[in-house]
Protein backbone atom coordinates (compact mmCIF):
# COMPACT_ATOMS: atom_id res chain seq x y z
CA MET A 1 -14.44 -34.77 -116.82
CA VAL A 2 -14.50 -31.77 -114.47
CA PRO A 3 -18.09 -30.58 -113.86
CA VAL A 4 -19.06 -27.22 -115.25
CA SER A 5 -19.45 -24.67 -112.44
CA GLU A 6 -21.76 -21.67 -112.61
CA ALA A 7 -22.31 -19.02 -109.95
CA TYR A 8 -25.45 -17.01 -109.23
CA GLU A 9 -26.77 -15.06 -106.29
CA ILE A 10 -30.00 -17.09 -106.22
CA VAL A 11 -30.77 -20.53 -107.65
CA VAL A 12 -34.47 -21.34 -107.98
CA ILE A 13 -35.36 -25.01 -108.31
CA GLY A 14 -38.49 -25.68 -110.37
CA GLY A 15 -40.42 -24.11 -113.22
CA GLY A 16 -43.88 -24.26 -111.66
CA ILE A 17 -45.93 -21.43 -110.20
CA ALA A 18 -43.89 -20.97 -107.02
CA GLY A 19 -40.62 -21.17 -108.95
CA CYS A 20 -41.72 -18.60 -111.50
CA PHE A 21 -43.02 -16.12 -108.93
CA ALA A 22 -39.84 -16.53 -106.86
CA ALA A 23 -37.42 -16.19 -109.78
CA ALA A 24 -39.25 -13.30 -111.45
CA THR A 25 -39.58 -11.35 -108.19
CA ALA A 26 -35.95 -11.84 -107.17
CA ALA A 27 -34.69 -10.81 -110.61
CA ASP A 28 -37.02 -7.81 -110.67
CA ARG A 29 -35.41 -6.72 -107.39
CA GLY A 30 -31.93 -6.85 -108.84
CA ALA A 31 -30.71 -10.36 -107.98
CA ASP A 32 -28.76 -12.53 -110.42
CA VAL A 33 -31.08 -15.53 -110.76
CA VAL A 34 -31.09 -18.89 -112.53
CA GLN A 35 -34.16 -21.12 -112.68
CA LEU A 36 -33.61 -24.87 -113.06
CA GLU A 37 -36.35 -27.03 -114.62
CA ARG A 38 -36.06 -30.77 -115.27
CA LYS A 39 -38.45 -30.69 -118.25
CA SER A 40 -37.69 -29.37 -121.70
CA ALA A 41 -38.74 -25.84 -122.63
CA GLU A 42 -41.59 -27.29 -124.70
CA GLU A 43 -42.88 -29.54 -121.89
CA ALA A 44 -42.34 -27.16 -118.97
CA GLY A 45 -45.42 -25.72 -117.31
CA HIS A 46 -47.40 -28.95 -117.65
CA ILE A 47 -48.14 -29.70 -113.99
CA ALA A 48 -50.57 -32.12 -112.37
CA CYS A 49 -53.08 -30.18 -110.32
CA GLY A 50 -56.81 -29.53 -110.22
CA ASP A 51 -56.23 -26.21 -111.97
CA ALA A 52 -58.95 -24.23 -110.17
CA MET A 53 -58.03 -20.58 -109.75
CA LYS A 54 -59.92 -17.65 -108.24
CA SER A 55 -59.31 -13.90 -108.64
CA PRO A 56 -56.21 -14.20 -110.86
CA THR A 57 -55.94 -10.46 -111.47
CA ASP A 58 -56.09 -9.50 -107.77
CA SER A 59 -52.61 -8.13 -107.06
CA LYS A 60 -52.78 -9.02 -103.35
CA LYS A 61 -53.50 -12.66 -104.13
CA TYR A 62 -50.95 -12.77 -106.96
CA PRO A 63 -48.33 -10.15 -106.07
CA GLY A 64 -45.11 -9.30 -107.87
CA PRO A 65 -43.91 -8.53 -111.39
CA ILE A 66 -45.77 -11.38 -113.12
CA ASP A 67 -48.50 -9.65 -115.15
CA MET A 68 -51.51 -11.80 -114.33
CA SER A 69 -53.85 -9.49 -116.24
CA ALA A 70 -51.93 -10.19 -119.44
CA ILE A 71 -52.07 -13.92 -118.76
CA ALA A 72 -55.80 -13.73 -118.02
CA ALA A 73 -56.35 -11.93 -121.33
CA ASP A 74 -54.82 -14.86 -123.25
CA GLU A 75 -57.80 -16.91 -124.43
CA ASP A 76 -55.77 -20.12 -124.53
CA VAL A 77 -55.32 -19.99 -120.75
CA LEU A 78 -59.12 -20.23 -120.28
CA ILE A 79 -59.50 -17.64 -117.53
CA ASP A 80 -63.14 -16.76 -118.16
CA GLY A 81 -64.86 -16.88 -114.75
CA ASN A 82 -66.99 -19.84 -115.74
CA ILE A 83 -67.23 -21.32 -112.21
CA ASP A 84 -69.80 -19.87 -109.81
CA ARG A 85 -70.43 -22.79 -107.43
CA ILE A 86 -68.94 -25.78 -105.65
CA GLU A 87 -70.97 -28.99 -105.61
CA TRP A 88 -70.52 -32.08 -103.45
CA TRP A 89 -72.20 -35.20 -104.77
CA ASP A 90 -72.69 -38.30 -102.68
CA GLU A 91 -74.57 -40.30 -105.26
CA GLU A 92 -74.98 -43.39 -103.08
CA LEU A 93 -76.83 -41.29 -100.48
CA ASP A 94 -78.54 -39.12 -103.11
CA VAL A 95 -77.09 -36.02 -101.42
CA LYS A 96 -75.98 -32.89 -103.23
CA LYS A 97 -74.51 -29.86 -101.45
CA VAL A 98 -74.25 -26.62 -103.42
CA LEU A 99 -72.02 -23.78 -102.22
CA PRO A 100 -72.01 -20.46 -104.08
CA TYR A 101 -68.59 -19.32 -105.30
CA ASP A 102 -68.69 -15.57 -104.82
CA GLY A 103 -66.58 -13.73 -107.36
CA HIS A 104 -66.40 -16.73 -109.67
CA SER A 105 -63.48 -19.02 -110.31
CA ASN A 106 -61.71 -20.57 -113.29
CA VAL A 107 -60.41 -23.95 -114.37
CA VAL A 108 -57.37 -23.05 -116.40
CA ASP A 109 -55.45 -24.82 -119.12
CA ARG A 110 -52.52 -25.67 -116.88
CA TYR A 111 -50.01 -26.08 -119.70
CA GLU A 112 -50.80 -22.77 -121.38
CA PHE A 113 -50.83 -21.03 -118.01
CA GLY A 114 -47.46 -22.55 -117.12
CA GLN A 115 -45.93 -21.54 -120.43
CA ARG A 116 -47.05 -17.92 -120.00
CA LEU A 117 -45.55 -17.83 -116.50
CA LEU A 118 -42.22 -19.09 -117.79
CA GLU A 119 -42.22 -16.55 -120.61
CA GLN A 120 -42.84 -13.67 -118.22
CA THR A 121 -40.20 -14.98 -115.82
CA ALA A 122 -37.61 -14.96 -118.60
CA ALA A 123 -38.66 -11.42 -119.52
CA CYS A 124 -37.75 -10.34 -115.97
CA GLY A 125 -34.12 -11.26 -116.68
CA VAL A 126 -34.01 -14.79 -115.23
CA ASP A 127 -31.66 -17.32 -116.82
CA GLN A 128 -33.70 -20.47 -117.43
CA HIS A 129 -31.96 -23.83 -117.75
CA PHE A 130 -34.31 -26.57 -118.95
CA ASP A 131 -33.53 -30.29 -119.17
CA THR A 132 -31.72 -29.83 -115.86
CA VAL A 133 -32.10 -32.48 -113.15
CA VAL A 134 -30.86 -31.61 -109.66
CA ASN A 135 -29.19 -34.60 -107.99
CA GLY A 136 -27.31 -33.17 -105.04
CA VAL A 137 -26.80 -30.26 -102.67
CA LEU A 138 -23.75 -28.17 -101.78
CA GLN A 139 -23.62 -27.19 -98.12
CA ASP A 140 -21.34 -26.26 -95.27
CA ALA A 141 -22.54 -23.84 -92.60
CA GLN A 142 -25.37 -23.00 -95.01
CA VAL A 143 -26.79 -24.38 -98.23
CA GLU A 144 -24.43 -23.15 -100.93
CA GLY A 145 -25.88 -24.49 -104.16
CA VAL A 146 -26.82 -27.68 -105.99
CA ARG A 147 -25.37 -30.33 -108.27
CA ALA A 148 -27.23 -31.11 -111.43
CA VAL A 149 -27.12 -32.77 -114.84
CA ARG A 150 -27.99 -30.45 -117.73
CA ASP A 151 -28.45 -31.96 -121.17
CA GLY A 152 -26.43 -34.96 -119.99
CA GLU A 153 -23.55 -32.87 -118.61
CA ALA A 154 -22.67 -32.48 -114.91
CA VAL A 155 -23.08 -28.89 -113.68
CA THR A 156 -22.49 -27.34 -110.27
CA TYR A 157 -24.49 -24.24 -109.37
CA THR A 158 -23.14 -22.19 -106.47
CA ALA A 159 -25.34 -19.54 -104.88
CA ASP A 160 -25.88 -17.33 -101.87
CA LEU A 161 -29.42 -18.68 -101.62
CA VAL A 162 -31.32 -21.72 -102.91
CA VAL A 163 -35.09 -21.34 -103.32
CA ASP A 164 -36.61 -24.80 -103.41
CA ALA A 165 -39.77 -24.82 -105.54
CA GLY A 166 -39.22 -28.40 -106.60
CA GLY A 167 -42.73 -29.55 -105.72
CA SER A 168 -43.98 -32.06 -103.20
CA LEU A 169 -41.38 -34.11 -101.33
CA SER A 170 -38.59 -32.25 -103.12
CA SER A 171 -35.38 -34.16 -103.77
CA VAL A 172 -33.46 -30.99 -102.89
CA MET A 173 -35.03 -30.87 -99.44
CA ALA A 174 -34.37 -34.60 -99.04
CA ASN A 175 -30.65 -34.05 -99.72
CA VAL A 176 -30.11 -31.17 -97.28
CA ASP A 177 -28.66 -32.18 -93.92
CA PHE A 178 -30.49 -29.56 -91.88
CA GLY A 179 -29.00 -30.76 -88.61
CA SER A 180 -25.48 -29.77 -89.67
CA LEU A 181 -26.33 -26.23 -90.76
CA ASP A 182 -25.17 -23.33 -88.57
CA ALA A 183 -28.25 -22.40 -86.53
CA GLU A 184 -28.51 -21.98 -82.76
CA PRO A 185 -29.82 -23.72 -80.75
CA GLU A 186 -30.99 -25.72 -83.78
CA THR A 187 -32.49 -25.05 -87.16
CA SER A 188 -36.10 -23.91 -87.05
CA PHE A 189 -36.79 -25.94 -90.20
CA GLU A 190 -38.86 -29.09 -89.80
CA LYS A 191 -39.04 -31.52 -92.72
CA PRO A 192 -42.48 -32.82 -93.73
CA ASN A 193 -42.98 -36.56 -94.19
CA TYR A 194 -44.82 -38.51 -96.86
CA GLN A 195 -47.82 -39.27 -94.60
CA GLN A 196 -48.60 -35.54 -94.61
CA PHE A 197 -49.13 -35.67 -98.39
CA GLY A 198 -51.70 -37.06 -100.77
CA SER A 199 -51.38 -38.94 -104.04
CA ALA A 200 -53.40 -37.63 -106.98
CA TYR A 201 -54.00 -38.31 -110.67
CA ARG A 202 -55.94 -36.49 -113.36
CA GLU A 203 -56.89 -36.61 -117.05
CA VAL A 204 -58.51 -34.04 -119.35
CA PHE A 205 -61.34 -35.16 -121.65
CA HIS A 206 -63.29 -33.60 -124.51
CA THR A 207 -66.92 -34.68 -124.29
CA GLN A 208 -69.25 -34.94 -127.25
CA ALA A 209 -71.88 -32.71 -125.62
CA PRO A 210 -71.81 -30.01 -122.92
CA VAL A 211 -71.88 -31.36 -119.38
CA PRO A 212 -74.72 -30.15 -117.13
CA TYR A 213 -72.28 -28.90 -114.47
CA ASP A 214 -70.12 -26.64 -116.65
CA ASN A 215 -70.30 -23.85 -114.02
CA ALA A 216 -69.32 -25.95 -111.00
CA LEU A 217 -66.35 -27.54 -109.27
CA VAL A 218 -67.69 -31.00 -108.48
CA GLY A 219 -66.33 -33.26 -105.75
CA LYS A 220 -67.40 -36.78 -104.78
CA PRO A 221 -66.30 -39.06 -101.92
CA LEU A 222 -63.59 -41.63 -102.46
CA GLU A 223 -62.63 -44.47 -100.17
CA ARG A 224 -59.32 -44.13 -98.25
CA MET A 225 -60.11 -40.54 -97.25
CA GLY A 226 -60.06 -38.91 -100.64
CA TYR A 227 -62.26 -37.48 -103.34
CA ILE A 228 -62.99 -37.59 -107.06
CA TRP A 229 -63.34 -34.30 -108.94
CA TYR A 230 -64.84 -33.01 -112.18
CA PHE A 231 -63.47 -29.57 -113.03
CA PRO A 232 -64.88 -28.16 -116.31
CA ARG A 233 -62.38 -26.03 -118.25
CA THR A 234 -65.18 -25.42 -120.77
CA ALA A 235 -68.59 -27.03 -121.16
CA THR A 236 -66.99 -29.87 -123.15
CA GLU A 237 -63.40 -29.90 -121.79
CA ILE A 238 -63.31 -31.53 -118.36
CA ASN A 239 -60.41 -32.04 -115.95
CA VAL A 240 -61.26 -35.23 -114.03
CA GLY A 241 -59.18 -36.69 -111.27
CA LEU A 242 -58.95 -38.17 -107.80
CA GLY A 243 -56.65 -38.35 -104.83
CA PHE A 244 -56.22 -39.97 -101.41
CA GLN A 245 -54.15 -39.35 -98.31
CA MET A 246 -50.86 -41.20 -98.14
CA ASN A 247 -51.40 -42.24 -94.51
CA LYS A 248 -54.12 -44.59 -95.80
CA ASP A 249 -53.94 -47.81 -97.79
CA PRO A 250 -53.25 -46.99 -101.46
CA VAL A 251 -55.87 -46.68 -104.19
CA THR A 252 -55.08 -47.74 -107.76
CA LEU A 253 -55.77 -44.28 -109.11
CA VAL A 254 -55.94 -44.90 -112.86
CA ASP A 255 -58.23 -47.93 -112.56
CA ARG A 256 -60.42 -46.25 -109.94
CA LEU A 257 -60.90 -43.15 -112.06
CA ARG A 258 -61.71 -45.26 -115.11
CA ALA A 259 -64.34 -47.18 -113.12
CA ASP A 260 -66.01 -43.91 -112.11
CA LEU A 261 -66.07 -42.49 -115.64
CA GLU A 262 -67.46 -45.69 -117.15
CA GLY A 263 -70.67 -45.14 -115.22
CA ARG A 264 -71.21 -41.59 -116.47
CA PRO A 265 -73.05 -41.08 -119.77
CA GLU A 266 -71.49 -37.65 -120.42
CA PHE A 267 -68.12 -39.36 -120.92
CA ASP A 268 -69.37 -41.88 -123.49
CA GLY A 269 -67.20 -41.40 -126.58
CA ALA A 270 -65.10 -38.70 -124.90
CA ASP A 271 -61.60 -38.11 -126.29
CA LEU A 272 -58.52 -37.65 -124.15
CA ASP A 273 -56.90 -34.25 -124.54
CA THR A 274 -53.30 -34.02 -125.79
CA VAL A 275 -50.32 -31.82 -124.91
CA ASN A 276 -47.26 -31.74 -127.19
CA GLY A 277 -48.52 -34.82 -128.96
CA GLY A 278 -48.99 -36.84 -125.76
CA ALA A 279 -52.01 -37.70 -123.63
CA ASN A 280 -52.96 -35.00 -121.12
CA LYS A 281 -52.79 -37.14 -118.00
CA LEU A 282 -50.52 -36.69 -114.98
CA GLY A 283 -50.05 -37.87 -111.42
CA ALA A 284 -48.35 -36.24 -108.47
CA ALA A 285 -48.07 -35.99 -104.72
CA LEU A 286 -49.51 -32.90 -103.04
CA ALA A 287 -49.38 -31.39 -99.58
CA LEU A 288 -52.16 -32.27 -97.14
CA ARG A 289 -50.70 -30.48 -94.13
CA ARG A 290 -50.52 -27.01 -92.66
CA PRO A 291 -47.69 -24.81 -93.94
CA LEU A 292 -44.26 -25.48 -92.50
CA ASP A 293 -43.94 -23.46 -89.32
CA SER A 294 -40.58 -22.26 -90.61
CA MET A 295 -39.85 -22.38 -94.33
CA VAL A 296 -36.26 -21.16 -94.00
CA ALA A 297 -32.86 -22.55 -93.10
CA PRO A 298 -29.38 -21.06 -93.60
CA GLY A 299 -29.07 -20.37 -97.33
CA TYR A 300 -32.39 -22.06 -98.10
CA ILE A 301 -36.11 -21.27 -98.53
CA THR A 302 -38.79 -23.74 -99.57
CA VAL A 303 -42.05 -22.61 -101.18
CA GLY A 304 -45.26 -23.92 -102.73
CA CYS A 305 -46.42 -27.49 -102.29
CA ASN A 306 -43.45 -28.77 -100.36
CA ALA A 307 -43.89 -25.92 -97.88
CA GLY A 308 -47.47 -27.05 -97.29
CA THR A 309 -49.01 -23.84 -98.64
CA THR A 310 -51.14 -25.55 -101.31
CA HIS A 311 -53.47 -27.59 -99.08
CA PRO A 312 -56.37 -28.74 -101.35
CA ILE A 313 -59.04 -28.27 -98.66
CA THR A 314 -58.48 -24.50 -98.89
CA GLY A 315 -58.89 -24.27 -102.66
CA LYS A 316 -55.77 -22.10 -102.81
CA GLY A 317 -53.21 -24.36 -104.46
CA ILE A 318 -52.19 -21.99 -107.23
CA ARG A 319 -52.47 -18.94 -104.99
CA GLY A 320 -50.45 -20.52 -102.18
CA ALA A 321 -47.65 -21.27 -104.60
CA ALA A 322 -47.71 -17.75 -106.04
CA VAL A 323 -47.72 -15.94 -102.69
CA THR A 324 -44.90 -17.98 -101.18
CA GLY A 325 -42.88 -17.76 -104.38
CA TYR A 326 -43.27 -13.99 -104.44
CA SER A 327 -42.30 -13.72 -100.78
CA ALA A 328 -39.21 -15.90 -101.23
CA GLY A 329 -38.12 -13.80 -104.20
CA LYS A 330 -38.70 -10.53 -102.40
CA HIS A 331 -37.13 -11.40 -99.07
CA GLY A 332 -34.46 -13.64 -100.57
CA ALA A 333 -33.24 -10.83 -102.84
CA ALA A 334 -33.17 -8.45 -99.87
CA ALA A 335 -31.16 -10.92 -97.78
CA VAL A 336 -28.61 -11.39 -100.56
CA ARG A 337 -28.38 -7.65 -101.24
CA ASP A 338 -27.92 -6.75 -97.55
CA ASP A 339 -25.51 -9.59 -96.72
CA GLU A 340 -22.27 -8.34 -95.17
CA ASP A 341 -20.70 -11.49 -93.73
CA GLY A 342 -21.13 -14.00 -96.55
CA PHE A 343 -23.61 -16.01 -94.50
CA ILE A 344 -27.38 -16.06 -95.11
CA SER A 345 -28.85 -17.04 -91.74
CA GLU A 346 -32.38 -17.99 -90.75
CA ALA A 347 -32.70 -14.55 -89.14
CA ASP A 348 -31.78 -12.95 -92.48
CA LEU A 349 -34.64 -14.86 -94.16
CA TRP A 350 -37.18 -14.68 -91.34
CA ALA A 351 -39.19 -11.92 -93.00
CA HIS A 352 -40.40 -14.57 -95.46
CA ASN A 353 -42.07 -16.60 -92.69
CA TYR A 354 -43.59 -13.51 -91.11
CA PHE A 355 -44.95 -12.26 -94.43
CA VAL A 356 -46.63 -15.57 -95.25
CA TYR A 357 -48.22 -15.97 -91.83
CA VAL A 358 -48.95 -12.41 -90.68
CA GLU A 359 -48.37 -9.63 -93.20
CA HIS A 360 -50.14 -11.43 -96.05
CA GLY A 361 -51.91 -14.01 -93.89
CA LEU A 362 -52.29 -16.84 -96.39
CA GLY A 363 -50.23 -19.18 -94.20
CA THR A 364 -52.50 -18.59 -91.21
CA ARG A 365 -55.68 -19.08 -93.23
CA THR A 366 -54.29 -22.34 -94.61
CA ALA A 367 -53.13 -23.60 -91.20
CA VAL A 368 -56.59 -22.93 -89.75
CA LYS A 369 -58.17 -25.43 -92.18
CA ASP A 370 -55.80 -28.32 -91.45
CA PRO A 371 -57.51 -29.39 -88.18
CA TYR A 372 -60.54 -30.44 -90.25
CA ASN A 373 -58.31 -32.78 -92.23
CA ILE A 374 -56.94 -34.26 -89.01
CA ALA A 375 -60.43 -34.76 -87.57
CA ALA A 376 -61.70 -36.34 -90.79
CA SER A 377 -58.79 -38.76 -90.89
CA GLN A 378 -59.56 -39.84 -87.34
CA VAL A 379 -63.25 -40.64 -87.85
CA GLY A 380 -63.02 -42.34 -91.26
CA MET A 381 -64.63 -41.70 -94.62
CA GLU A 382 -68.04 -43.25 -93.88
CA ASN A 383 -68.55 -40.93 -90.93
CA VAL A 384 -67.28 -37.94 -92.91
CA ARG A 385 -69.87 -38.70 -95.61
CA ALA A 386 -72.61 -38.94 -92.99
CA ALA A 387 -71.53 -35.68 -91.36
CA VAL A 388 -71.42 -33.84 -94.70
CA ALA A 389 -74.90 -35.15 -95.50
CA LEU A 390 -76.18 -33.85 -92.15
CA LEU A 391 -74.38 -30.52 -91.96
CA PRO A 392 -76.05 -27.42 -93.41
CA GLU A 393 -74.32 -25.89 -96.41
CA ASP A 394 -73.18 -22.74 -94.61
CA ALA A 395 -71.29 -24.85 -92.06
CA ILE A 396 -69.52 -26.71 -94.87
CA ALA A 397 -68.73 -23.38 -96.52
CA ASP A 398 -66.92 -22.32 -93.34
CA VAL A 399 -64.48 -25.17 -93.83
CA VAL A 400 -63.64 -24.51 -97.47
CA SER A 401 -63.70 -20.70 -97.31
CA SER A 402 -60.90 -18.42 -96.14
CA GLU A 403 -63.08 -16.61 -93.61
CA GLY A 404 -63.04 -16.96 -89.84
CA ASN A 405 -64.24 -19.98 -87.90
CA SER A 406 -66.28 -18.40 -85.14
CA LEU A 407 -68.83 -20.59 -83.41
CA GLY A 408 -70.80 -18.30 -81.19
CA VAL A 409 -74.16 -19.13 -79.59
CA ARG A 410 -76.19 -17.91 -82.56
CA SER A 411 -74.21 -19.85 -85.16
CA ALA A 412 -74.20 -22.94 -82.92
CA ILE A 413 -78.01 -22.86 -82.76
CA ARG A 414 -78.18 -22.45 -86.54
CA LEU A 415 -75.81 -25.38 -86.96
CA ALA A 416 -77.85 -27.62 -84.66
CA SER A 417 -81.08 -26.65 -86.40
CA GLY A 418 -79.64 -27.46 -89.81
CA VAL A 419 -78.34 -30.84 -88.66
CA VAL A 420 -81.71 -31.80 -87.20
CA GLN A 421 -83.55 -30.75 -90.35
CA ASN A 422 -81.23 -32.75 -92.61
CA ALA A 423 -81.31 -35.74 -90.26
CA LEU A 424 -85.09 -35.92 -90.37
CA SER A 425 -85.02 -36.03 -94.16
CA LEU A 426 -82.22 -38.58 -94.48
CA VAL A 427 -83.42 -40.90 -91.71
CA SER A 428 -86.98 -40.94 -93.01
CA ASP A 429 -85.66 -42.15 -96.37
CA ASP A 430 -83.28 -44.68 -94.73
CA ARG A 431 -80.42 -43.26 -96.80
CA LEU A 432 -77.88 -43.20 -93.99
CA GLU A 433 -78.39 -46.94 -93.58
CA GLU A 434 -76.24 -47.32 -96.72
CA LEU A 435 -73.14 -46.39 -94.74
CA ASP A 436 -71.12 -48.86 -92.69
CA THR A 437 -71.33 -46.91 -89.44
CA THR A 438 -73.52 -46.31 -86.39
CA LYS A 439 -75.63 -43.44 -85.12
CA ARG A 440 -73.25 -43.13 -82.16
CA ALA A 441 -70.23 -42.81 -84.47
CA VAL A 442 -71.99 -40.23 -86.64
CA GLY A 443 -72.99 -38.27 -83.54
CA ARG A 444 -69.39 -38.27 -82.32
CA THR A 445 -68.26 -37.05 -85.74
CA LEU A 446 -70.62 -34.08 -85.52
CA LEU A 447 -69.39 -33.34 -82.00
CA ASP A 448 -65.81 -33.53 -83.29
CA PHE A 449 -66.74 -31.04 -86.01
CA VAL A 450 -67.83 -28.54 -83.35
CA ARG A 451 -64.67 -29.20 -81.33
CA THR A 452 -62.55 -28.76 -84.42
CA ARG A 453 -64.11 -25.40 -85.23
CA ARG A 454 -63.20 -24.22 -81.75
CA TYR A 455 -59.64 -25.43 -82.12
CA ALA A 456 -59.46 -23.78 -85.53
CA GLU A 457 -60.00 -20.50 -83.69
CA LYS A 458 -57.13 -21.33 -81.36
CA TYR A 459 -54.84 -22.07 -84.29
CA GLU A 460 -55.95 -18.83 -85.94
CA ARG A 461 -54.94 -16.83 -82.85
CA LEU A 462 -51.69 -18.80 -82.53
CA TYR A 463 -50.56 -18.25 -86.11
CA GLY A 464 -51.76 -14.65 -86.02
CA GLU A 465 -49.16 -14.16 -83.25
CA TYR A 466 -46.35 -15.71 -85.28
CA PRO A 467 -43.05 -14.11 -84.16
CA ALA A 468 -41.71 -11.21 -86.21
CA THR A 469 -38.13 -12.34 -85.54
CA ARG A 470 -36.47 -15.71 -85.12
CA ASP A 471 -35.70 -14.97 -81.46
CA GLY A 472 -39.26 -15.71 -80.44
CA PHE A 473 -39.76 -18.82 -82.55
CA PHE A 474 -38.89 -21.60 -80.14
CA GLU A 475 -41.15 -20.26 -77.38
CA TRP A 476 -43.90 -19.88 -80.00
CA ARG A 477 -43.27 -23.47 -81.15
CA ASP A 478 -43.80 -24.69 -77.59
CA ALA A 479 -47.19 -22.98 -77.61
CA ARG A 480 -47.98 -24.63 -80.95
CA ASP A 481 -47.07 -28.03 -79.53
CA ALA A 482 -49.38 -27.44 -76.57
CA VAL A 483 -52.32 -26.67 -78.85
CA ASP A 484 -51.50 -29.71 -80.99
CA ASP A 485 -51.43 -31.96 -77.93
CA ALA A 486 -54.69 -30.59 -76.56
CA PHE A 487 -56.44 -30.96 -79.93
CA ASN A 488 -55.24 -34.54 -80.39
CA ASP A 489 -56.25 -35.41 -76.83
CA GLU A 490 -59.69 -33.88 -77.38
CA LEU A 491 -60.24 -36.08 -80.43
CA GLY A 492 -58.72 -39.15 -78.79
CA ILE A 493 -55.92 -39.56 -81.34
CA PRO A 494 -53.18 -41.82 -79.94
CA ALA A 495 -49.59 -40.61 -80.04
CA ASP A 496 -48.51 -43.05 -82.75
CA ARG A 497 -51.20 -41.79 -85.14
CA ARG A 498 -50.70 -38.06 -84.76
CA LYS A 499 -49.98 -36.06 -87.89
CA TYR A 500 -47.31 -33.81 -86.35
């Protein structure tokens, strides 16, 4: 049987946040767009993530034609500003860190939120093909479309541009032969690898009584460089989950989460939430890396998690997907509209990279946080726990906020004073003796934290100078490599264990 062939200007892979923002924006700007989603229309929008979301109605953080105010007004989505703090619990050490969440945040119903996004995307004029599994790529000098199976039937989608919002470790990205695309002296695109991702799992429970942390995002340490979370959607509806980095030995996520919940009285008799008649529990991989330094290749843009713009340490997973999706839709539609030679080059799409890193800045703010993840991976979880216990809360807030990372003399003195104060308390109670580490190792971890803050400033300057055109990229990349090498050397990370 001859495969069905359909032609569009832009094919968007994925029905998640990035896919919806990309498809809706491109269609709103006049492009002929199809959105491919492997799930059914009834199941689409149900995505595994922590679901925390700040400032949903801020048009700079969620730009484009998607009406976030209308979505926020839908009570089923649960955007009610219930979160006003972040808490870190290390129960073995009896340590609790509390960070105020200025402006409040939300833990949304991810399914209802996803369904509203898809509805608005369709209203922008996007053709949506559900039950469609992409299993191949069309390419020559550029990416020219994808092969798929829709409702059991083979379909070929040809396009001027493919926007890959297929989620972490996308099969579309895996199938593109970037080395054979027409780009001189080489493509600027650099594939991520699985060790730059994490593995996560979550469930949603209804408790019999309100939890005492209904206004907080709660995190707890997990072995293998990871964490457990409790994210209250309401006082009795709790998203609980955990994740670890995939460059570490694996954790049996379901069993480990169950073991944690069994020791918590608030979950006695709790019922598992349901979606479409099935249990509300999902697992996924997620990016634990800085954004891709170039997210474009001839005829191709990648966005969202697979582009590294949803790094959990930044707390901007949903926002990172939305911003990059919007940018891909905006700049992708412009490239297709202005095309005169039938070839969509990296230079034609470069405005997407520049927008993400410089004009909007989310990419730079995300990249600046990744050095902390690298440093933490080097020292190990026991030393991270000790450092968090010793660091003052404002220093921890610097890591998880989107503000600058300056470490001038005054802030350095404040940092040292806070560490000493916390150390006196913890050492006097012998609590740090619970950890399998040494005072020397903990001291080095604190020194590495200071070093990392200084390198974060260097990365901030570097990404703030991201080239406005492709012509300057390879010289800029050399400068990036030099900073990477110096940072790794400073922390003593051997070449075979370096993240990039």
